[in-house]
């Protein structure tokens, strides 16, 4: 399944263990990458989005299928 596409600066939300979180996309990864020893699987067709939480500043990584655009 192809992922939804977003752009840097878009405000998105996703469902986390603590409920729904919103954040701003700050980077788009289109190749596999490592963060804190964890391999993230990203491709040009199915990128992973680097998102900064608007509330806590925490950085999260998600595929587009997990995200909903709030605004851009």
C-alpha atoms as a PDB file:
ATOM      1  CA  UNK A   1       0.000   0.000   0.000  1.00  0.00           C
ATOM      2  CA  UNK A   2       1.409   3.385  -0.962  1.00  0.00           C
ATOM      3  CA  UNK A   3       1.754   5.903   1.823  1.00  0.00           C
ATOM      4  CA  UNK A   4       0.007   9.272   1.998  1.00  0.00           C
ATOM      5  CA  UNK A   5       2.374  12.103   1.116  1.00  0.00           C
ATOM      6  CA  UNK A   6       3.173  15.131   3.225  1.00  0.00           C
ATOM      7  CA  UNK A   7       5.586  18.060   3.022  1.00  0.00           C
ATOM      8  CA  UNK A   8       8.035  19.625   5.448  1.00  0.00           C
ATOM      9  CA  UNK A   9       6.115  22.092   7.610  1.00  0.00           C
ATOM     10  CA  UNK A  10       2.808  20.194   7.504  1.00  0.00           C
ATOM     11  CA  UNK A  11       1.082  19.773  10.873  1.00  0.00           C
ATOM     12  CA  UNK A  12      -0.014  16.168  11.347  1.00  0.00           C
ATOM     13  CA  UNK A  13      -1.455  13.948  14.071  1.00  0.00           C
ATOM     14  CA  UNK A  14      -0.984  10.275  14.892  1.00  0.00           C
ATOM     15  CA  UNK A  15      -2.191   7.801  17.482  1.00  0.00           C
ATOM     16  CA  UNK A  16       0.440   7.003  20.109  1.00  0.00           C
ATOM     17  CA  UNK A  17       0.347   4.978  23.319  1.00  0.00           C
ATOM     18  CA  UNK A  18      -0.580   8.204  25.147  1.00  0.00           C
ATOM     19  CA  UNK A  19      -3.402   9.085  22.730  1.00  0.00           C
ATOM     20  CA  UNK A  20      -3.371  11.396  19.734  1.00  0.00           C
ATOM     21  CA  UNK A  21      -0.288  13.576  19.295  1.00  0.00           C
ATOM     22  CA  UNK A  22       0.259  16.432  16.856  1.00  0.00           C
ATOM     23  CA  UNK A  23       3.490  17.715  15.421  1.00  0.00           C
ATOM     24  CA  UNK A  24       5.236  19.462  12.550  1.00  0.00           C
ATOM     25  CA  UNK A  25       7.072  17.496   9.864  1.00  0.00           C
ATOM     26  CA  UNK A  26      10.704  18.597   9.889  1.00  0.00           C
ATOM     27  CA  UNK A  27      12.315  16.077   7.528  1.00  0.00           C
ATOM     28  CA  UNK A  28      11.380  13.385   5.012  1.00  0.00           C
ATOM     29  CA  UNK A  29      13.543  10.262   4.809  1.00  0.00           C
ATOM     30  CA  UNK A  30      13.533   8.378   1.491  1.00  0.00           C
ATOM     31  CA  UNK A  31      16.283   5.847   2.228  1.00  0.00           C
ATOM     32  CA  UNK A  32      16.893   3.509   5.193  1.00  0.00           C
ATOM     33  CA  UNK A  33      18.409   5.313   8.197  1.00  0.00           C
ATOM     34  CA  UNK A  34      19.478   4.625  11.770  1.00  0.00           C
ATOM     35  CA  UNK A  35      18.300   6.459  14.895  1.00  0.00           C
ATOM     36  CA  UNK A  36      19.518   5.400  18.351  1.00  0.00           C
ATOM     37  CA  UNK A  37      20.537   1.985  17.035  1.00  0.00           C
ATOM     38  CA  UNK A  38      17.182   1.320  15.364  1.00  0.00           C
ATOM     39  CA  UNK A  39      16.947   0.778  11.592  1.00  0.00           C
ATOM     40  CA  UNK A  40      14.092   2.736   9.993  1.00  0.00           C
ATOM     41  CA  UNK A  41      12.912   1.397   6.640  1.00  0.00           C
ATOM     42  CA  UNK A  42      12.173   4.218   4.223  1.00  0.00           C
ATOM     43  CA  UNK A  43      12.045   4.414   0.439  1.00  0.00           C
ATOM     44  CA  UNK A  44      11.173   7.085  -2.118  1.00  0.00           C
ATOM     45  CA  UNK A  45       7.793   5.364  -2.604  1.00  0.00           C
ATOM     46  CA  UNK A  46       7.156   4.841   1.124  1.00  0.00           C
ATOM     47  CA  UNK A  47       9.092   7.530   3.039  1.00  0.00           C
ATOM     48  CA  UNK A  48       9.289   7.992   6.780  1.00  0.00           C
ATOM     49  CA  UNK A  49       8.486  11.396   8.204  1.00  0.00           C
ATOM     50  CA  UNK A  50      10.472  12.992  11.020  1.00  0.00           C
ATOM     51  CA  UNK A  51       7.999  14.871  13.208  1.00  0.00           C
ATOM     52  CA  UNK A  52       8.543  17.183  16.168  1.00  0.00           C
ATOM     53  CA  UNK A  53       5.747  17.077  18.756  1.00  0.00           C
ATOM     54  CA  UNK A  54       4.107  20.471  19.185  1.00  0.00           C
ATOM     55  CA  UNK A  55       3.604  19.820  22.895  1.00  0.00           C
ATOM     56  CA  UNK A  56       6.840  18.182  24.062  1.00  0.00           C
ATOM     57  CA  UNK A  57       9.385  18.708  21.275  1.00  0.00           C
ATOM     58  CA  UNK A  58       9.924  14.916  21.124  1.00  0.00           C
ATOM     59  CA  UNK A  59      11.005  13.632  17.704  1.00  0.00           C
ATOM     60  CA  UNK A  60       9.021  10.745  16.206  1.00  0.00           C
ATOM     61  CA  UNK A  61       9.323   8.854  12.919  1.00  0.00           C
ATOM     62  CA  UNK A  62       6.261   7.525  11.102  1.00  0.00           C
ATOM     63  CA  UNK A  63       5.165   6.349   7.685  1.00  0.00           C
ATOM     64  CA  UNK A  64       2.452   8.365   5.975  1.00  0.00           C
ATOM     65  CA  UNK A  65      -0.187   5.697   6.597  1.00  0.00           C
ATOM     66  CA  UNK A  66      -0.013   6.500  10.327  1.00  0.00           C
ATOM     67  CA  UNK A  67      -0.453  10.259   9.841  1.00  0.00           C
ATOM     68  CA  UNK A  68      -3.392  12.617   9.333  1.00  0.00           C
ATOM     69  CA  UNK A  69      -2.795  16.155   8.049  1.00  0.00           C
ATOM     70  CA  UNK A  70      -4.196  18.864  10.307  1.00  0.00           C
ATOM     71  CA  UNK A  71      -2.896  21.846   8.322  1.00  0.00           C
ATOM     72  CA  UNK A  72       0.073  22.862   6.196  1.00  0.00           C
END
